[in-house]
Amino acid sequence: YQGSAWQFIGQVSGPVAGTTIDLEARTAIDSILEVL
């Protein structure tokens, strides 16, 4: 509930594409998302 209305928290996906793939960064981001 923010600003006198309910706000639905959207889903956040991990990284899946890109021209430069950093596996260590993707693993870290995925683990942070899983903890959240």
ModelCIF file with pLDDT and N, C-alpha, C, O atoms, coordinates in Angstrom:
data_MODEL
#
_entry.id   MODEL 
#
_entity.id                         1 
_entity.type                       polymer 
_entity.pdbx_number_of_molecules   1 
#
_entity_poly.entity_id                      1 
_entity_poly.type                           'polypeptide(L)' 
_entity_poly.nstd_linkage                   no 
_entity_poly.nstd_monomer                   no 
_entity_poly.pdbx_seq_one_letter_code       YQGSAWQFIGQVSGPVAGTTIDLEARTAIDSILEVL 
_entity_poly.pdbx_seq_one_letter_code_can   YQGSAWQFIGQVSGPVAGTTIDLEARTAIDSILEVL 
_entity_poly.pdbx_strand_id                 A 
#
loop_
_entity_poly_seq.entity_id 
_entity_poly_seq.num 
_entity_poly_seq.mon_id 
_entity_poly_seq.hetero 
1 1  TYR n 
1 2  GLN n 
1 3  GLY n 
1 4  SER n 
1 5  ALA n 
1 6  TRP n 
1 7  GLN n 
1 8  PHE n 
1 9  ILE n 
1 10 GLY n 
1 11 GLN n 
1 12 VAL n 
1 13 SER n 
1 14 GLY n 
1 15 PRO n 
1 16 VAL n 
1 17 ALA n 
1 18 GLY n 
1 19 THR n 
1 20 THR n 
1 21 ILE n 
1 22 ASP n 
1 23 LEU n 
1 24 GLU n 
1 25 ALA n 
1 26 ARG n 
1 27 THR n 
1 28 ALA n 
1 29 ILE n 
1 30 ASP n 
1 31 SER n 
1 32 ILE n 
1 33 LEU n 
1 34 GLU n 
1 35 VAL n 
1 36 LEU n 
#
_struct_asym.id          A 
_struct_asym.entity_id   1 
#
loop_
_ma_qa_metric.id 
_ma_qa_metric.mode 
_ma_qa_metric.name 
_ma_qa_metric.software_group_id 
_ma_qa_metric.type 
1 global pLDDT . pLDDT 
2 local  pLDDT . pLDDT 
#
_ma_qa_metric_global.metric_id      1 
_ma_qa_metric_global.metric_value   87.00 
_ma_qa_metric_global.model_id       1 
_ma_qa_metric_global.ordinal_id     1 
#
loop_
_ma_qa_metric_local.label_asym_id 
_ma_qa_metric_local.label_comp_id 
_ma_qa_metric_local.label_seq_id 
_ma_qa_metric_local.metric_id 
_ma_qa_metric_local.metric_value 
_ma_qa_metric_local.model_id 
_ma_qa_metric_local.ordinal_id 
A TYR 1  2 94.00 1 1  
A GLN 2  2 92.00 1 2  
A GLY 3  2 88.00 1 3  
A SER 4  2 89.00 1 4  
A ALA 5  2 92.00 1 5  
A TRP 6  2 94.00 1 6  
A GLN 7  2 91.00 1 7  
A PHE 8  2 87.00 1 8  
A ILE 9  2 83.00 1 9  
A GLY 10 2 75.00 1 10 
A GLN 11 2 74.00 1 11 
A VAL 12 2 78.00 1 12 
A SER 13 2 81.00 1 13 
A GLY 14 2 85.00 1 14 
A PRO 15 2 85.00 1 15 
A VAL 16 2 85.00 1 16 
A ALA 17 2 84.00 1 17 
A GLY 18 2 84.00 1 18 
A THR 19 2 86.00 1 19 
A THR 20 2 86.00 1 20 
A ILE 21 2 87.00 1 21 
A ASP 22 2 89.00 1 22 
A LEU 23 2 88.00 1 23 
A GLU 24 2 90.00 1 24 
A ALA 25 2 91.00 1 25 
A ARG 26 2 89.00 1 26 
A THR 27 2 89.00 1 27 
A ALA 28 2 91.00 1 28 
A ILE 29 2 90.00 1 29 
A ASP 30 2 89.00 1 30 
A SER 31 2 90.00 1 31 
A ILE 32 2 90.00 1 32 
A LEU 33 2 88.00 1 33 
A GLU 34 2 87.00 1 34 
A VAL 35 2 87.00 1 35 
A LEU 36 2 84.00 1 36 
#
loop_
_atom_site.group_PDB 
_atom_site.id 
_atom_site.type_symbol 
_atom_site.label_atom_id 
_atom_site.label_alt_id 
_atom_site.label_comp_id 
_atom_site.label_asym_id 
_atom_site.label_entity_id 
_atom_site.label_seq_id 
_atom_site.pdbx_PDB_ins_code 
_atom_site.Cartn_x 
_atom_site.Cartn_y 
_atom_site.Cartn_z 
_atom_site.occupancy 
_atom_site.B_iso_or_equiv 
_atom_site.pdbx_formal_charge 
_atom_site.auth_seq_id 
_atom_site.auth_comp_id 
_atom_site.auth_asym_id 
_atom_site.auth_atom_id 
_atom_site.pdbx_PDB_model_num 
ATOM 1   N N  . TYR A 1 1  ? 0.856  -1.190  0.000   1.00 94.00 ? 1  TYR A N  1 
ATOM 2   C CA . TYR A 1 1  ? 0.000  0.000   0.000   1.00 94.00 ? 1  TYR A CA 1 
ATOM 3   C C  . TYR A 1 1  ? 0.889  1.237   0.000   1.00 94.00 ? 1  TYR A C  1 
ATOM 4   O O  . TYR A 1 1  ? 1.576  1.521   0.981   1.00 94.00 ? 1  TYR A O  1 
ATOM 5   N N  . GLN A 1 2  ? 0.869  1.976   -1.124  1.00 92.00 ? 2  GLN A N  1 
ATOM 6   C CA . GLN A 1 2  ? 1.692  3.178   -1.259  1.00 92.00 ? 2  GLN A CA 1 
ATOM 7   C C  . GLN A 1 2  ? 0.892  4.267   -1.951  1.00 92.00 ? 2  GLN A C  1 
ATOM 8   O O  . GLN A 1 2  ? 0.224  4.028   -2.958  1.00 92.00 ? 2  GLN A O  1 
ATOM 9   N N  . GLY A 1 3  ? 0.971  5.462   -1.395  1.00 88.00 ? 3  GLY A N  1 
ATOM 10  C CA . GLY A 1 3  ? 0.322  6.599   -2.025  1.00 88.00 ? 3  GLY A CA 1 
ATOM 11  C C  . GLY A 1 3  ? -1.183 6.441   -2.118  1.00 88.00 ? 3  GLY A C  1 
ATOM 12  O O  . GLY A 1 3  ? -1.782 6.831   -3.120  1.00 88.00 ? 3  GLY A O  1 
ATOM 13  N N  . SER A 1 4  ? -1.793 5.890   -1.113  1.00 89.00 ? 4  SER A N  1 
ATOM 14  C CA . SER A 1 4  ? -3.246 5.679   -1.000  1.00 89.00 ? 4  SER A CA 1 
ATOM 15  C C  . SER A 1 4  ? -3.811 4.679   -2.007  1.00 89.00 ? 4  SER A C  1 
ATOM 16  O O  . SER A 1 4  ? -4.983 4.762   -2.373  1.00 89.00 ? 4  SER A O  1 
ATOM 17  N N  . ALA A 1 5  ? -2.983 3.735   -2.456  1.00 92.00 ? 5  ALA A N  1 
ATOM 18  C CA . ALA A 1 5  ? -3.456 2.667   -3.342  1.00 92.00 ? 5  ALA A CA 1 
ATOM 19  C C  . ALA A 1 5  ? -2.552 1.443   -3.193  1.00 92.00 ? 5  ALA A C  1 
ATOM 20  O O  . ALA A 1 5  ? -1.383 1.562   -2.824  1.00 92.00 ? 5  ALA A O  1 
ATOM 21  N N  . TRP A 1 6  ? -3.107 0.273   -3.486  1.00 94.00 ? 6  TRP A N  1 
ATOM 22  C CA . TRP A 1 6  ? -2.322 -0.963  -3.478  1.00 94.00 ? 6  TRP A CA 1 
ATOM 23  C C  . TRP A 1 6  ? -1.510 -1.042  -4.761  1.00 94.00 ? 6  TRP A C  1 
ATOM 24  O O  . TRP A 1 6  ? -2.042 -0.830  -5.851  1.00 94.00 ? 6  TRP A O  1 
ATOM 25  N N  . GLN A 1 7  ? -0.232 -1.345  -4.636  1.00 91.00 ? 7  GLN A N  1 
ATOM 26  C CA . GLN A 1 7  ? 0.669  -1.492  -5.770  1.00 91.00 ? 7  GLN A CA 1 
ATOM 27  C C  . GLN A 1 7  ? 1.097  -2.953  -5.837  1.00 91.00 ? 7  GLN A C  1 
ATOM 28  O O  . GLN A 1 7  ? 1.654  -3.489  -4.879  1.00 91.00 ? 7  GLN A O  1 
ATOM 29  N N  . PHE A 1 8  ? 0.832  -3.597  -6.978  1.00 87.00 ? 8  PHE A N  1 
ATOM 30  C CA . PHE A 1 8  ? 1.238  -4.980  -7.158  1.00 87.00 ? 8  PHE A CA 1 
ATOM 31  C C  . PHE A 1 8  ? 2.709  -5.005  -7.567  1.00 87.00 ? 8  PHE A C  1 
ATOM 32  O O  . PHE A 1 8  ? 3.119  -4.313  -8.499  1.00 87.00 ? 8  PHE A O  1 
ATOM 33  N N  . ILE A 1 9  ? 3.482  -5.801  -6.868  1.00 83.00 ? 9  ILE A N  1 
ATOM 34  C CA . ILE A 1 9  ? 4.906  -5.912  -7.168  1.00 83.00 ? 9  ILE A CA 1 
ATOM 35  C C  . ILE A 1 9  ? 5.061  -6.891  -8.324  1.00 83.00 ? 9  ILE A C  1 
ATOM 36  O O  . ILE A 1 9  ? 4.661  -8.050  -8.224  1.00 83.00 ? 9  ILE A O  1 
ATOM 37  N N  . GLY A 1 10 ? 5.636  -6.425  -9.405  1.00 75.00 ? 10 GLY A N  1 
ATOM 38  C CA . GLY A 1 10 ? 5.801  -7.258  -10.593 1.00 75.00 ? 10 GLY A CA 1 
ATOM 39  C C  . GLY A 1 10 ? 6.909  -8.276  -10.432 1.00 75.00 ? 10 GLY A C  1 
ATOM 40  O O  . GLY A 1 10 ? 7.773  -8.150  -9.564  1.00 75.00 ? 10 GLY A O  1 
ATOM 41  N N  . GLN A 1 11 ? 6.869  -9.278  -11.275 1.00 74.00 ? 11 GLN A N  1 
ATOM 42  C CA . GLN A 1 11 ? 7.905  -10.298 -11.253 1.00 74.00 ? 11 GLN A CA 1 
ATOM 43  C C  . GLN A 1 11 ? 9.181  -9.747  -11.876 1.00 74.00 ? 11 GLN A C  1 
ATOM 44  O O  . GLN A 1 11 ? 9.145  -8.958  -12.820 1.00 74.00 ? 11 GLN A O  1 
ATOM 45  N N  . VAL A 1 12 ? 10.298 -10.180 -11.329 1.00 78.00 ? 12 VAL A N  1 
ATOM 46  C CA . VAL A 1 12 ? 11.597 -9.764  -11.837 1.00 78.00 ? 12 VAL A CA 1 
ATOM 47  C C  . VAL A 1 12 ? 12.321 -11.014 -12.313 1.00 78.00 ? 12 VAL A C  1 
ATOM 48  O O  . VAL A 1 12 ? 12.519 -11.957 -11.548 1.00 78.00 ? 12 VAL A O  1 
ATOM 49  N N  . SER A 1 13 ? 12.706 -11.015 -13.561 1.00 81.00 ? 13 SER A N  1 
ATOM 50  C CA . SER A 1 13 ? 13.423 -12.154 -14.131 1.00 81.00 ? 13 SER A CA 1 
ATOM 51  C C  . SER A 1 13 ? 14.916 -11.878 -14.125 1.00 81.00 ? 13 SER A C  1 
ATOM 52  O O  . SER A 1 13 ? 15.357 -10.730 -14.171 1.00 81.00 ? 13 SER A O  1 
ATOM 53  N N  . GLY A 1 14 ? 15.669 -12.942 -14.068 1.00 85.00 ? 14 GLY A N  1 
ATOM 54  C CA . GLY A 1 14 ? 17.122 -12.823 -14.151 1.00 85.00 ? 14 GLY A CA 1 
ATOM 55  C C  . GLY A 1 14 ? 17.549 -12.553 -15.589 1.00 85.00 ? 14 GLY A C  1 
ATOM 56  O O  . GLY A 1 14 ? 16.732 -12.617 -16.508 1.00 85.00 ? 14 GLY A O  1 
ATOM 57  N N  . PRO A 1 15 ? 18.813 -12.256 -15.778 1.00 85.00 ? 15 PRO A N  1 
ATOM 58  C CA . PRO A 1 15 ? 19.324 -11.966 -17.122 1.00 85.00 ? 15 PRO A CA 1 
ATOM 59  C C  . PRO A 1 15 ? 19.274 -13.215 -18.011 1.00 85.00 ? 15 PRO A C  1 
ATOM 60  O O  . PRO A 1 15 ? 19.591 -14.318 -17.565 1.00 85.00 ? 15 PRO A O  1 
ATOM 61  N N  . VAL A 1 16 ? 18.868 -13.023 -19.284 1.00 85.00 ? 16 VAL A N  1 
ATOM 62  C CA . VAL A 1 16 ? 18.762 -14.165 -20.205 1.00 85.00 ? 16 VAL A CA 1 
ATOM 63  C C  . VAL A 1 16 ? 19.408 -13.905 -21.571 1.00 85.00 ? 16 VAL A C  1 
ATOM 64  O O  . VAL A 1 16 ? 19.611 -14.849 -22.334 1.00 85.00 ? 16 VAL A O  1 
ATOM 65  N N  . ALA A 1 17 ? 19.727 -12.688 -21.886 1.00 84.00 ? 17 ALA A N  1 
ATOM 66  C CA . ALA A 1 17 ? 20.281 -12.407 -23.213 1.00 84.00 ? 17 ALA A CA 1 
ATOM 67  C C  . ALA A 1 17 ? 21.350 -11.329 -23.091 1.00 84.00 ? 17 ALA A C  1 
ATOM 68  O O  . ALA A 1 17 ? 21.711 -10.922 -21.987 1.00 84.00 ? 17 ALA A O  1 
ATOM 69  N N  . GLY A 1 18 ? 21.838 -10.885 -24.204 1.00 84.00 ? 18 GLY A N  1 
ATOM 70  C CA . GLY A 1 18 ? 22.831 -9.818  -24.237 1.00 84.00 ? 18 GLY A CA 1 
ATOM 71  C C  . GLY A 1 18 ? 23.996 -10.187 -25.117 1.00 84.00 ? 18 GLY A C  1 
ATOM 72  O O  . GLY A 1 18 ? 24.203 -11.355 -25.448 1.00 84.00 ? 18 GLY A O  1 
ATOM 73  N N  . THR A 1 19 ? 24.759 -9.169  -25.496 1.00 86.00 ? 19 THR A N  1 
ATOM 74  C CA . THR A 1 19 ? 25.908 -9.431  -26.365 1.00 86.00 ? 19 THR A CA 1 
ATOM 75  C C  . THR A 1 19 ? 27.119 -9.877  -25.560 1.00 86.00 ? 19 THR A C  1 
ATOM 76  O O  . THR A 1 19 ? 27.943 -10.645 -26.056 1.00 86.00 ? 19 THR A O  1 
ATOM 77  N N  . THR A 1 20 ? 27.235 -9.409  -24.335 1.00 86.00 ? 20 THR A N  1 
ATOM 78  C CA . THR A 1 20 ? 28.322 -9.845  -23.464 1.00 86.00 ? 20 THR A CA 1 
ATOM 79  C C  . THR A 1 20 ? 27.717 -10.609 -22.300 1.00 86.00 ? 20 THR A C  1 
ATOM 80  O O  . THR A 1 20 ? 26.902 -10.066 -21.553 1.00 86.00 ? 20 THR A O  1 
ATOM 81  N N  . ILE A 1 21 ? 28.107 -11.850 -22.144 1.00 87.00 ? 21 ILE A N  1 
ATOM 82  C CA . ILE A 1 21 ? 27.543 -12.689 -21.085 1.00 87.00 ? 21 ILE A CA 1 
ATOM 83  C C  . ILE A 1 21 ? 28.607 -12.898 -20.017 1.00 87.00 ? 21 ILE A C  1 
ATOM 84  O O  . ILE A 1 21 ? 29.658 -13.485 -20.271 1.00 87.00 ? 21 ILE A O  1 
ATOM 85  N N  . ASP A 1 22 ? 28.317 -12.411 -18.833 1.00 89.00 ? 22 ASP A N  1 
ATOM 86  C CA . ASP A 1 22 ? 29.195 -12.568 -17.674 1.00 89.00 ? 22 ASP A CA 1 
ATOM 87  C C  . ASP A 1 22 ? 28.538 -13.591 -16.746 1.00 89.00 ? 22 ASP A C  1 
ATOM 88  O O  . ASP A 1 22 ? 27.605 -13.263 -16.013 1.00 89.00 ? 22 ASP A O  1 
ATOM 89  N N  . LEU A 1 23 ? 29.022 -14.812 -16.781 1.00 88.00 ? 23 LEU A N  1 
ATOM 90  C CA . LEU A 1 23 ? 28.399 -15.895 -16.016 1.00 88.00 ? 23 LEU A CA 1 
ATOM 91  C C  . LEU A 1 23 ? 28.455 -15.653 -14.514 1.00 88.00 ? 23 LEU A C  1 
ATOM 92  O O  . LEU A 1 23 ? 27.503 -15.982 -13.806 1.00 88.00 ? 23 LEU A O  1 
ATOM 93  N N  . GLU A 1 24 ? 29.534 -15.093 -14.017 1.00 90.00 ? 24 GLU A N  1 
ATOM 94  C CA . GLU A 1 24 ? 29.635 -14.818 -12.581 1.00 90.00 ? 24 GLU A CA 1 
ATOM 95  C C  . GLU A 1 24 ? 28.605 -13.776 -12.156 1.00 90.00 ? 24 GLU A C  1 
ATOM 96  O O  . GLU A 1 24 ? 27.973 -13.918 -11.110 1.00 90.00 ? 24 GLU A O  1 
ATOM 97  N N  . ALA A 1 25 ? 28.436 -12.739 -12.955 1.00 91.00 ? 25 ALA A N  1 
ATOM 98  C CA . ALA A 1 25 ? 27.448 -11.704 -12.635 1.00 91.00 ? 25 ALA A CA 1 
ATOM 99  C C  . ALA A 1 25 ? 26.039 -12.283 -12.700 1.00 91.00 ? 25 ALA A C  1 
ATOM 100 O O  . ALA A 1 25 ? 25.213 -11.987 -11.837 1.00 91.00 ? 25 ALA A O  1 
ATOM 101 N N  . ARG A 1 26 ? 25.752 -13.101 -13.706 1.00 89.00 ? 26 ARG A N  1 
ATOM 102 C CA . ARG A 1 26 ? 24.424 -13.717 -13.825 1.00 89.00 ? 26 ARG A CA 1 
ATOM 103 C C  . ARG A 1 26 ? 24.130 -14.629 -12.647 1.00 89.00 ? 26 ARG A C  1 
ATOM 104 O O  . ARG A 1 26 ? 23.011 -14.641 -12.133 1.00 89.00 ? 26 ARG A O  1 
ATOM 105 N N  . THR A 1 27 ? 25.109 -15.380 -12.222 1.00 89.00 ? 27 THR A N  1 
ATOM 106 C CA . THR A 1 27 ? 24.928 -16.271 -11.071 1.00 89.00 ? 27 THR A CA 1 
ATOM 107 C C  . THR A 1 27 ? 24.656 -15.449 -9.818  1.00 89.00 ? 27 THR A C  1 
ATOM 108 O O  . THR A 1 27 ? 23.796 -15.809 -9.015  1.00 89.00 ? 27 THR A O  1 
ATOM 109 N N  . ALA A 1 28 ? 25.377 -14.354 -9.646  1.00 91.00 ? 28 ALA A N  1 
ATOM 110 C CA . ALA A 1 28 ? 25.158 -13.484 -8.481  1.00 91.00 ? 28 ALA A CA 1 
ATOM 111 C C  . ALA A 1 28 ? 23.771 -12.856 -8.517  1.00 91.00 ? 28 ALA A C  1 
ATOM 112 O O  . ALA A 1 28 ? 23.081 -12.819 -7.498  1.00 91.00 ? 28 ALA A O  1 
ATOM 113 N N  . ILE A 1 29 ? 23.358 -12.362 -9.679  1.00 90.00 ? 29 ILE A N  1 
ATOM 114 C CA . ILE A 1 29 ? 22.032 -11.744 -9.819  1.00 90.00 ? 29 ILE A CA 1 
ATOM 115 C C  . ILE A 1 29 ? 20.938 -12.776 -9.544  1.00 90.00 ? 29 ILE A C  1 
ATOM 116 O O  . ILE A 1 29 ? 19.982 -12.491 -8.824  1.00 90.00 ? 29 ILE A O  1 
ATOM 117 N N  . ASP A 1 30 ? 21.078 -13.974 -10.117 1.00 89.00 ? 30 ASP A N  1 
ATOM 118 C CA . ASP A 1 30 ? 20.081 -15.026 -9.892  1.00 89.00 ? 30 ASP A CA 1 
ATOM 119 C C  . ASP A 1 30 ? 19.988 -15.408 -8.420  1.00 89.00 ? 30 ASP A C  1 
ATOM 120 O O  . ASP A 1 30 ? 18.893 -15.661 -7.916  1.00 89.00 ? 30 ASP A O  1 
ATOM 121 N N  . SER A 1 31 ? 21.124 -15.454 -7.723  1.00 90.00 ? 31 SER A N  1 
ATOM 122 C CA . SER A 1 31 ? 21.082 -15.816 -6.298  1.00 90.00 ? 31 SER A CA 1 
ATOM 123 C C  . SER A 1 31 ? 20.443 -14.701 -5.464  1.00 90.00 ? 31 SER A C  1 
ATOM 124 O O  . SER A 1 31 ? 19.729 -14.985 -4.503  1.00 90.00 ? 31 SER A O  1 
ATOM 125 N N  . ILE A 1 32 ? 20.690 -13.448 -5.819  1.00 90.00 ? 32 ILE A N  1 
ATOM 126 C CA . ILE A 1 32 ? 20.037 -12.332 -5.123  1.00 90.00 ? 32 ILE A CA 1 
ATOM 127 C C  . ILE A 1 32 ? 18.528 -12.392 -5.333  1.00 90.00 ? 32 ILE A C  1 
ATOM 128 O O  . ILE A 1 32 ? 17.759 -12.235 -4.386  1.00 90.00 ? 32 ILE A O  1 
ATOM 129 N N  . LEU A 1 33 ? 18.106 -12.620 -6.576  1.00 88.00 ? 33 LEU A N  1 
ATOM 130 C CA . LEU A 1 33 ? 16.676 -12.717 -6.858  1.00 88.00 ? 33 LEU A CA 1 
ATOM 131 C C  . LEU A 1 33 ? 16.041 -13.876 -6.099  1.00 88.00 ? 33 LEU A C  1 
ATOM 132 O O  . LEU A 1 33 ? 14.923 -13.744 -5.601  1.00 88.00 ? 33 LEU A O  1 
ATOM 133 N N  . GLU A 1 34 ? 16.724 -14.995 -6.003  1.00 87.00 ? 34 GLU A N  1 
ATOM 134 C CA . GLU A 1 34 ? 16.181 -16.149 -5.277  1.00 87.00 ? 34 GLU A CA 1 
ATOM 135 C C  . GLU A 1 34 ? 16.030 -15.845 -3.791  1.00 87.00 ? 34 GLU A C  1 
ATOM 136 O O  . GLU A 1 34 ? 15.036 -16.240 -3.181  1.00 87.00 ? 34 GLU A O  1 
ATOM 137 N N  . VAL A 1 35 ? 16.990 -15.155 -3.206  1.00 87.00 ? 35 VAL A N  1 
ATOM 138 C CA . VAL A 1 35 ? 16.871 -14.763 -1.792  1.00 87.00 ? 35 VAL A CA 1 
ATOM 139 C C  . VAL A 1 35 ? 15.680 -13.826 -1.601  1.00 87.00 ? 35 VAL A C  1 
ATOM 140 O O  . VAL A 1 35 ? 14.923 -13.977 -0.642  1.00 87.00 ? 35 VAL A O  1 
ATOM 141 N N  . LEU A 1 36 ? 15.510 -12.871 -2.493  1.00 84.00 ? 36 LEU A N  1 
ATOM 142 C CA . LEU A 1 36 ? 14.383 -11.943 -2.394  1.00 84.00 ? 36 LEU A CA 1 
ATOM 143 C C  . LEU A 1 36 ? 13.049 -12.669 -2.566  1.00 84.00 ? 36 LEU A C  1 
ATOM 144 O O  . LEU A 1 36 ? 11.992 -12.040 -2.511  1.00 84.00 ? 36 LEU A O  1 
#
